[in-house]
Amino acid sequence: MTAEKRQEIEAHKAACLERYRAAQELACTIYSQRRDKGNKWRMWAERELAKHPELQVEARAKLNRLGKGKGSDGDQR
């Protein structure tokens, strides 16, 4: 594999990892504010997720894990 191709792959991996971390941070931020938002926190959470369509799928998955008490990524089975 050429050095240029390896660099391209590494850049793609770095971008994916950054997006994943941003989604995790967004989910944790939303989850941590759920008590402050009261009974309508889910509607608020949906609006927050809609602001970040590129992170929505990963953030929603993390929120679901947090809601089930399985917040760490190692608990996925």
PDB file of N, CA and C in Angstrom:
ATOM      1  N   MET A   1       0.855  -1.180   0.000  1.00  0.00           N
ATOM      2  CA  MET A   1       0.000   0.000   0.000  1.00  0.00           C
ATOM      3  C   MET A   1       0.900   1.242   0.000  1.00  0.00           C
ATOM      4  N   THR A   2       0.523   2.212  -0.783  1.00  0.00           N
ATOM      5  CA  THR A   2       1.346   3.414  -0.887  1.00  0.00           C
ATOM      6  C   THR A   2       1.188   4.271   0.367  1.00  0.00           C
ATOM      7  N   ALA A   3       2.170   5.108   0.580  1.00  0.00           N
ATOM      8  CA  ALA A   3       2.143   6.008   1.739  1.00  0.00           C
ATOM      9  C   ALA A   3       0.960   6.968   1.643  1.00  0.00           C
ATOM     10  N   GLU A   4       0.647   7.394   0.435  1.00  0.00           N
ATOM     11  CA  GLU A   4      -0.476   8.313   0.247  1.00  0.00           C
ATOM     12  C   GLU A   4      -1.802   7.645   0.627  1.00  0.00           C
ATOM     13  N   LYS A   5      -1.960   6.394   0.230  1.00  0.00           N
ATOM     14  CA  LYS A   5      -3.183   5.645   0.545  1.00  0.00           C
ATOM     15  C   LYS A   5      -3.292   5.433   2.058  1.00  0.00           C
ATOM     16  N   ARG A   6      -2.179   5.114   2.707  1.00  0.00           N
ATOM     17  CA  ARG A   6      -2.189   4.947   4.167  1.00  0.00           C
ATOM     18  C   ARG A   6      -2.572   6.244   4.871  1.00  0.00           C
ATOM     19  N   GLN A   7      -2.056   7.359   4.381  1.00  0.00           N
ATOM     20  CA  GLN A   7      -2.398   8.661   4.954  1.00  0.00           C
ATOM     21  C   GLN A   7      -3.891   8.943   4.798  1.00  0.00           C
ATOM     22  N   GLU A   8      -4.422   8.612   3.644  1.00  0.00           N
ATOM     23  CA  GLU A   8      -5.847   8.811   3.386  1.00  0.00           C
ATOM     24  C   GLU A   8      -6.694   7.977   4.355  1.00  0.00           C
ATOM     25  N   ILE A   9      -6.299   6.737   4.573  1.00  0.00           N
ATOM     26  CA  ILE A   9      -7.021   5.867   5.497  1.00  0.00           C
ATOM     27  C   ILE A   9      -6.928   6.403   6.923  1.00  0.00           C
ATOM     28  N   GLU A  10      -5.746   6.817   7.322  1.00  0.00           N
ATOM     29  CA  GLU A  10      -5.568   7.358   8.678  1.00  0.00           C
ATOM     30  C   GLU A  10      -6.378   8.634   8.881  1.00  0.00           C
ATOM     31  N   ALA A  11      -6.458   9.481   7.859  1.00  0.00           N
ATOM     32  CA  ALA A  11      -7.252  10.707   7.952  1.00  0.00           C
ATOM     33  C   ALA A  11      -8.732  10.367   8.092  1.00  0.00           C
ATOM     34  N   HIS A  12      -9.170   9.370   7.341  1.00  0.00           N
ATOM     35  CA  HIS A  12     -10.575   8.945   7.432  1.00  0.00           C
ATOM     36  C   HIS A  12     -10.871   8.372   8.817  1.00  0.00           C
ATOM     37  N   LYS A  13      -9.982   7.552   9.332  1.00  0.00           N
ATOM     38  CA  LYS A  13     -10.166   6.987  10.676  1.00  0.00           C
ATOM     39  C   LYS A  13     -10.222   8.088  11.729  1.00  0.00           C
ATOM     40  N   ALA A  14      -9.359   9.082  11.601  1.00  0.00           N
ATOM     41  CA  ALA A  14      -9.346  10.197  12.557  1.00  0.00           C
ATOM     42  C   ALA A  14     -10.651  10.981  12.493  1.00  0.00           C
ATOM     43  N   ALA A  15     -11.170  11.212  11.295  1.00  0.00           N
ATOM     44  CA  ALA A  15     -12.433  11.947  11.145  1.00  0.00           C
ATOM     45  C   ALA A  15     -13.593  11.153  11.744  1.00  0.00           C
ATOM     46  N   CYS A  16     -13.601   9.849  11.523  1.00  0.00           N
ATOM     47  CA  CYS A  16     -14.667   9.001  12.092  1.00  0.00           C
ATOM     48  C   CYS A  16     -14.605   8.989  13.609  1.00  0.00           C
ATOM     49  N   LEU A  17     -13.404   8.891  14.140  1.00  0.00           N
ATOM     50  CA  LEU A  17     -13.240   8.884  15.596  1.00  0.00           C
ATOM     51  C   LEU A  17     -13.675  10.213  16.197  1.00  0.00           C
ATOM     52  N   GLU A  18     -13.370  11.307  15.545  1.00  0.00           N
ATOM     53  CA  GLU A  18     -13.778  12.636  16.030  1.00  0.00           C
ATOM     54  C   GLU A  18     -15.303  12.765  16.023  1.00  0.00           C
ATOM     55  N   ARG A  19     -15.933  12.296  14.955  1.00  0.00           N
ATOM     56  CA  ARG A  19     -17.395  12.339  14.880  1.00  0.00           C
ATOM     57  C   ARG A  19     -18.018  11.470  15.970  1.00  0.00           C
ATOM     58  N   TYR A  20     -17.455  10.299  16.209  1.00  0.00           N
ATOM     59  CA  TYR A  20     -17.944   9.400  17.250  1.00  0.00           C
ATOM     60  C   TYR A  20     -17.827  10.056  18.625  1.00  0.00           C
ATOM     61  N   ARG A  21     -16.685  10.652  18.888  1.00  0.00           N
ATOM     62  CA  ARG A  21     -16.490  11.333  20.189  1.00  0.00           C
ATOM     63  C   ARG A  21     -17.454  12.502  20.354  1.00  0.00           C
ATOM     64  N   ALA A  22     -17.685  13.246  19.301  1.00  0.00           N
ATOM     65  CA  ALA A  22     -18.626  14.370  19.359  1.00  0.00           C
ATOM     66  C   ALA A  22     -20.037  13.865  19.647  1.00  0.00           C
ATOM     67  N   ALA A  23     -20.416  12.745  19.042  1.00  0.00           N
ATOM     68  CA  ALA A  23     -21.748  12.162  19.279  1.00  0.00           C
ATOM     69  C   ALA A  23     -21.868  11.689  20.729  1.00  0.00           C
ATOM     70  N   GLN A  24     -20.807  11.091  21.250  1.00  0.00           N
ATOM     71  CA  GLN A  24     -20.820  10.630  22.634  1.00  0.00           C
ATOM     72  C   GLN A  24     -20.965  11.814  23.594  1.00  0.00           C
ATOM     73  N   GLU A  25     -20.242  12.868  23.309  1.00  0.00           N
ATOM     74  CA  GLU A  25     -20.313  14.074  24.137  1.00  0.00           C
ATOM     75  C   GLU A  25     -21.704  14.702  24.085  1.00  0.00           C
ATOM     76  N   LEU A  26     -22.289  14.768  22.898  1.00  0.00           N
ATOM     77  CA  LEU A  26     -23.629  15.315  22.740  1.00  0.00           C
ATOM     78  C   LEU A  26     -24.632  14.495  23.550  1.00  0.00           C
ATOM     79  N   ALA A  27     -24.554  13.181  23.451  1.00  0.00           N
ATOM     80  CA  ALA A  27     -25.480  12.310  24.186  1.00  0.00           C
ATOM     81  C   ALA A  27     -25.319  12.497  25.693  1.00  0.00           C
ATOM     82  N   CYS A  28     -24.101  12.567  26.159  1.00  0.00           N
ATOM     83  CA  CYS A  28     -23.865  12.747  27.591  1.00  0.00           C
ATOM     84  C   CYS A  28     -24.371  14.103  28.067  1.00  0.00           C
ATOM     85  N   THR A  29     -24.197  15.121  27.247  1.00  0.00           N
ATOM     86  CA  THR A  29     -24.693  16.450  27.597  1.00  0.00           C
ATOM     87  C   THR A  29     -26.216  16.445  27.692  1.00  0.00           C
ATOM     88  N   ILE A  30     -26.861  15.848  26.716  1.00  0.00           N
ATOM     89  CA  ILE A  30     -28.329  15.765  26.729  1.00  0.00           C
ATOM     90  C   ILE A  30     -28.798  14.978  27.944  1.00  0.00           C
ATOM     91  N   TYR A  31     -28.179  13.835  28.180  1.00  0.00           N
ATOM     92  CA  TYR A  31     -28.603  12.975  29.283  1.00  0.00           C
ATOM     93  C   TYR A  31     -28.408  13.654  30.637  1.00  0.00           C
ATOM     94  N   SER A  32     -27.328  14.396  30.783  1.00  0.00           N
ATOM     95  CA  SER A  32     -27.053  15.055  32.059  1.00  0.00           C
ATOM     96  C   SER A  32     -28.035  16.190  32.355  1.00  0.00           C
ATOM     97  N   GLN A  33     -28.683  16.726  31.325  1.00  0.00           N
ATOM     98  CA  GLN A  33     -29.621  17.831  31.525  1.00  0.00           C
ATOM     99  C   GLN A  33     -31.073  17.392  31.604  1.00  0.00           C
ATOM    100  N   ARG A  34     -31.325  16.092  31.574  1.00  0.00           N
ATOM    101  CA  ARG A  34     -32.707  15.617  31.533  1.00  0.00           C
ATOM    102  C   ARG A  34     -33.507  16.019  32.764  1.00  0.00           C
ATOM    103  N   ARG A  35     -32.913  16.031  33.930  1.00  0.00           N
ATOM    104  CA  ARG A  35     -33.645  16.419  35.144  1.00  0.00           C
ATOM    105  C   ARG A  35     -33.964  17.912  35.152  1.00  0.00           C
ATOM    106  N   ASP A  36     -33.044  18.707  34.639  1.00  0.00           N
ATOM    107  CA  ASP A  36     -33.256  20.153  34.597  1.00  0.00           C
ATOM    108  C   ASP A  36     -34.392  20.541  33.649  1.00  0.00           C
ATOM    109  N   LYS A  37     -34.616  19.720  32.633  1.00  0.00           N
ATOM    110  CA  LYS A  37     -35.620  20.036  31.617  1.00  0.00           C
ATOM    111  C   LYS A  37     -37.022  19.565  31.996  1.00  0.00           C
ATOM    112  N   GLY A  38     -37.137  18.777  33.056  1.00  0.00           N
ATOM    113  CA  GLY A  38     -38.451  18.349  33.522  1.00  0.00           C
ATOM    114  C   GLY A  38     -39.077  17.280  32.643  1.00  0.00           C
ATOM    115  N   ASN A  39     -40.413  17.244  32.654  1.00  0.00           N
ATOM    116  CA  ASN A  39     -41.152  16.194  31.947  1.00  0.00           C
ATOM    117  C   ASN A  39     -41.010  16.248  30.432  1.00  0.00           C
ATOM    118  N   LYS A  40     -40.662  17.384  29.909  1.00  0.00           N
ATOM    119  CA  LYS A  40     -40.581  17.522  28.450  1.00  0.00           C
ATOM    120  C   LYS A  40     -39.151  17.392  27.952  1.00  0.00           C
ATOM    121  N   TRP A  41     -38.296  16.716  28.698  1.00  0.00           N
ATOM    122  CA  TRP A  41     -36.893  16.619  28.311  1.00  0.00           C
ATOM    123  C   TRP A  41     -36.719  15.835  27.014  1.00  0.00           C
ATOM    124  N   ARG A  42     -37.597  14.885  26.737  1.00  0.00           N
ATOM    125  CA  ARG A  42     -37.460  14.097  25.504  1.00  0.00           C
ATOM    126  C   ARG A  42     -37.693  14.963  24.261  1.00  0.00           C
ATOM    127  N   MET A  43     -38.671  15.851  24.331  1.00  0.00           N
ATOM    128  CA  MET A  43     -38.909  16.755  23.196  1.00  0.00           C
ATOM    129  C   MET A  43     -37.709  17.681  23.019  1.00  0.00           C
ATOM    130  N   TRP A  44     -37.166  18.157  24.124  1.00  0.00           N
ATOM    131  CA  TRP A  44     -35.982  19.006  24.068  1.00  0.00           C
ATOM    132  C   TRP A  44     -34.810  18.216  23.481  1.00  0.00           C
ATOM    133  N   ALA A  45     -34.656  16.970  23.919  1.00  0.00           N
ATOM    134  CA  ALA A  45     -33.569  16.129  23.420  1.00  0.00           C
ATOM    135  C   ALA A  45     -33.700  15.915  21.909  1.00  0.00           C
ATOM    136  N   GLU A  46     -34.905  15.697  21.437  1.00  0.00           N
ATOM    137  CA  GLU A  46     -35.119  15.518  20.002  1.00  0.00           C
ATOM    138  C   GLU A  46     -34.716  16.764  19.218  1.00  0.00           C
ATOM    139  N   ARG A  47     -35.023  17.933  19.763  1.00  0.00           N
ATOM    140  CA  ARG A  47     -34.620  19.183  19.092  1.00  0.00           C
ATOM    141  C   ARG A  47     -33.101  19.321  19.074  1.00  0.00           C
ATOM    142  N   GLU A  48     -32.462  18.954  20.178  1.00  0.00           N
ATOM    143  CA  GLU A  48     -30.997  19.025  20.233  1.00  0.00           C
ATOM    144  C   GLU A  48     -30.368  18.061  19.235  1.00  0.00           C
ATOM    145  N   LEU A  49     -30.909  16.867  19.144  1.00  0.00           N
ATOM    146  CA  LEU A  49     -30.394  15.893  18.185  1.00  0.00           C
ATOM    147  C   LEU A  49     -30.594  16.374  16.750  1.00  0.00           C
ATOM    148  N   ALA A  50     -31.730  17.000  16.486  1.00  0.00           N
ATOM    149  CA  ALA A  50     -32.022  17.485  15.132  1.00  0.00           C
ATOM    150  C   ALA A  50     -31.048  18.587  14.695  1.00  0.00           C
ATOM    151  N   LYS A  51     -30.463  19.280  15.648  1.00  0.00           N
ATOM    152  CA  LYS A  51     -29.484  20.318  15.328  1.00  0.00           C
ATOM    153  C   LYS A  51     -28.177  19.728  14.801  1.00  0.00           C
ATOM    154  N   HIS A  52     -27.972  18.441  15.037  1.00  0.00           N
ATOM    155  CA  HIS A  52     -26.728  17.775  14.647  1.00  0.00           C
ATOM    156  C   HIS A  52     -27.039  16.496  13.874  1.00  0.00           C
ATOM    157  N   PRO A  53     -27.566  16.621  12.656  1.00  0.00           N
ATOM    158  CA  PRO A  53     -27.977  15.420  11.911  1.00  0.00           C
ATOM    159  C   PRO A  53     -26.825  14.444  11.660  1.00  0.00           C
ATOM    160  N   GLU A  54     -25.606  14.957  11.551  1.00  0.00           N
ATOM    161  CA  GLU A  54     -24.463  14.078  11.292  1.00  0.00           C
ATOM    162  C   GLU A  54     -24.098  13.222  12.502  1.00  0.00           C
ATOM    163  N   LEU A  55     -24.560  13.632  13.685  1.00  0.00           N
ATOM    164  CA  LEU A  55     -24.252  12.894  14.917  1.00  0.00           C
ATOM    165  C   LEU A  55     -25.464  12.154  15.476  1.00  0.00           C
ATOM    166  N   GLN A  56     -26.599  12.356  14.864  1.00  0.00           N
ATOM    167  CA  GLN A  56     -27.871  11.902  15.418  1.00  0.00           C
ATOM    168  C   GLN A  56     -27.925  10.401  15.699  1.00  0.00           C
ATOM    169  N   VAL A  57     -27.516   9.575  14.782  1.00  0.00           N
ATOM    170  CA  VAL A  57     -27.635   8.125  14.941  1.00  0.00           C
ATOM    171  C   VAL A  57     -26.776   7.638  16.102  1.00  0.00           C
ATOM    172  N   GLU A  58     -25.509   8.060  16.126  1.00  0.00           N
ATOM    173  CA  GLU A  58     -24.612   7.606  17.184  1.00  0.00           C
ATOM    174  C   GLU A  58     -25.023   8.172  18.541  1.00  0.00           C
ATOM    175  N   ALA A  59     -25.440   9.442  18.566  1.00  0.00           N
ATOM    176  CA  ALA A  59     -25.855  10.056  19.835  1.00  0.00           C
ATOM    177  C   ALA A  59     -27.123   9.395  20.368  1.00  0.00           C
ATOM    178  N   ARG A  60     -28.051   9.078  19.488  1.00  0.00           N
ATOM    179  CA  ARG A  60     -29.292   8.423  19.918  1.00  0.00           C
ATOM    180  C   ARG A  60     -28.998   7.032  20.501  1.00  0.00           C
ATOM    181  N   ALA A  61     -28.078   6.315  19.879  1.00  0.00           N
ATOM    182  CA  ALA A  61     -27.705   4.991  20.390  1.00  0.00           C
ATOM    183  C   ALA A  61     -27.101   5.110  21.788  1.00  0.00           C
ATOM    184  N   LYS A  62     -26.246   6.100  21.987  1.00  0.00           N
ATOM    185  CA  LYS A  62     -25.645   6.317  23.308  1.00  0.00           C
ATOM    186  C   LYS A  62     -26.714   6.711  24.316  1.00  0.00           C
ATOM    187  N   LEU A  63     -27.637   7.572  23.939  1.00  0.00           N
ATOM    188  CA  LEU A  63     -28.732   7.954  24.842  1.00  0.00           C
ATOM    189  C   LEU A  63     -29.559   6.738  25.242  1.00  0.00           C
ATOM    190  N   ASN A  64     -29.818   5.857  24.292  1.00  0.00           N
ATOM    191  CA  ASN A  64     -30.572   4.646  24.607  1.00  0.00           C
ATOM    192  C   ASN A  64     -29.821   3.773  25.604  1.00  0.00           C
ATOM    193  N   ARG A  65     -28.513   3.645  25.414  1.00  0.00           N
ATOM    194  CA  ARG A  65     -27.709   2.862  26.366  1.00  0.00           C
ATOM    195  C   ARG A  65     -27.713   3.515  27.744  1.00  0.00           C
ATOM    196  N   LEU A  66     -27.597   4.829  27.782  1.00  0.00           N
ATOM    197  CA  LEU A  66     -27.614   5.535  29.068  1.00  0.00           C
ATOM    198  C   LEU A  66     -28.964   5.353  29.760  1.00  0.00           C
ATOM    199  N   GLY A  67     -30.040   5.414  28.996  1.00  0.00           N
ATOM    200  CA  GLY A  67     -31.376   5.251  29.551  1.00  0.00           C
ATOM    201  C   GLY A  67     -31.613   3.863  30.124  1.00  0.00           C
ATOM    202  N   LYS A  68     -30.927   2.878  29.575  1.00  0.00           N
ATOM    203  CA  LYS A  68     -31.069   1.510  30.063  1.00  0.00           C
ATOM    204  C   LYS A  68     -30.047   1.176  31.144  1.00  0.00           C
ATOM    205  N   GLY A  69     -29.238   2.165  31.526  1.00  0.00           N
ATOM    206  CA  GLY A  69     -28.227   1.939  32.554  1.00  0.00           C
ATOM    207  C   GLY A  69     -26.986   1.244  32.038  1.00  0.00           C
ATOM    208  N   LYS A  70     -26.795   1.277  30.727  1.00  0.00           N
ATOM    209  CA  LYS A  70     -25.628   0.648  30.116  1.00  0.00           C
ATOM    210  C   LYS A  70     -24.803   1.713  29.411  1.00  0.00           C
ATOM    211  N   GLY A  71     -24.338   2.682  30.155  1.00  0.00           N
ATOM    212  CA  GLY A  71     -23.686   3.834  29.563  1.00  0.00           C
ATOM    213  C   GLY A  71     -22.337   3.567  28.951  1.00  0.00           C
ATOM    214  N   SER A  72     -21.597   2.587  29.460  1.00  0.00           N
ATOM    215  CA  SER A  72     -20.282   2.371  28.878  1.00  0.00           C
ATOM    216  C   SER A  72     -20.400   1.607  27.575  1.00  0.00           C
ATOM    217  N   ASP A  73     -19.541   1.908  26.647  1.00  0.00           N
ATOM    218  CA  ASP A  73     -19.597   1.295  25.324  1.00  0.00           C
ATOM    219  C   ASP A  73     -19.227  -0.176  25.360  1.00  0.00           C
ATOM    220  N   GLY A  74     -18.568  -0.621  26.414  1.00  0.00           N
ATOM    221  CA  GLY A  74     -18.202  -2.017  26.529  1.00  0.00           C
ATOM    222  C   GLY A  74     -19.386  -2.907  26.874  1.00  0.00           C
ATOM    223  N   ASP A  75     -20.531  -2.316  27.224  1.00  0.00           N
ATOM    224  CA  ASP A  75     -21.698  -3.099  27.606  1.00  0.00           C
ATOM    225  C   ASP A  75     -22.545  -3.524  26.428  1.00  0.00           C
ATOM    226  N   GLN A  76     -22.165  -3.191  25.216  1.00  0.00           N
ATOM    227  CA  GLN A  76     -22.979  -3.545  24.057  1.00  0.00           C
ATOM    228  C   GLN A  76     -22.835  -5.037  23.770  1.00  0.00           C
ATOM    229  N   ARG A  77     -23.890  -5.782  23.888  1.00  0.00           N
ATOM    230  CA  ARG A  77     -23.866  -7.226  23.578  1.00  0.00           C
ATOM    231  C   ARG A  77     -25.118  -7.631  22.910  1.00  0.00           C
TER     232      ARG A  77
END
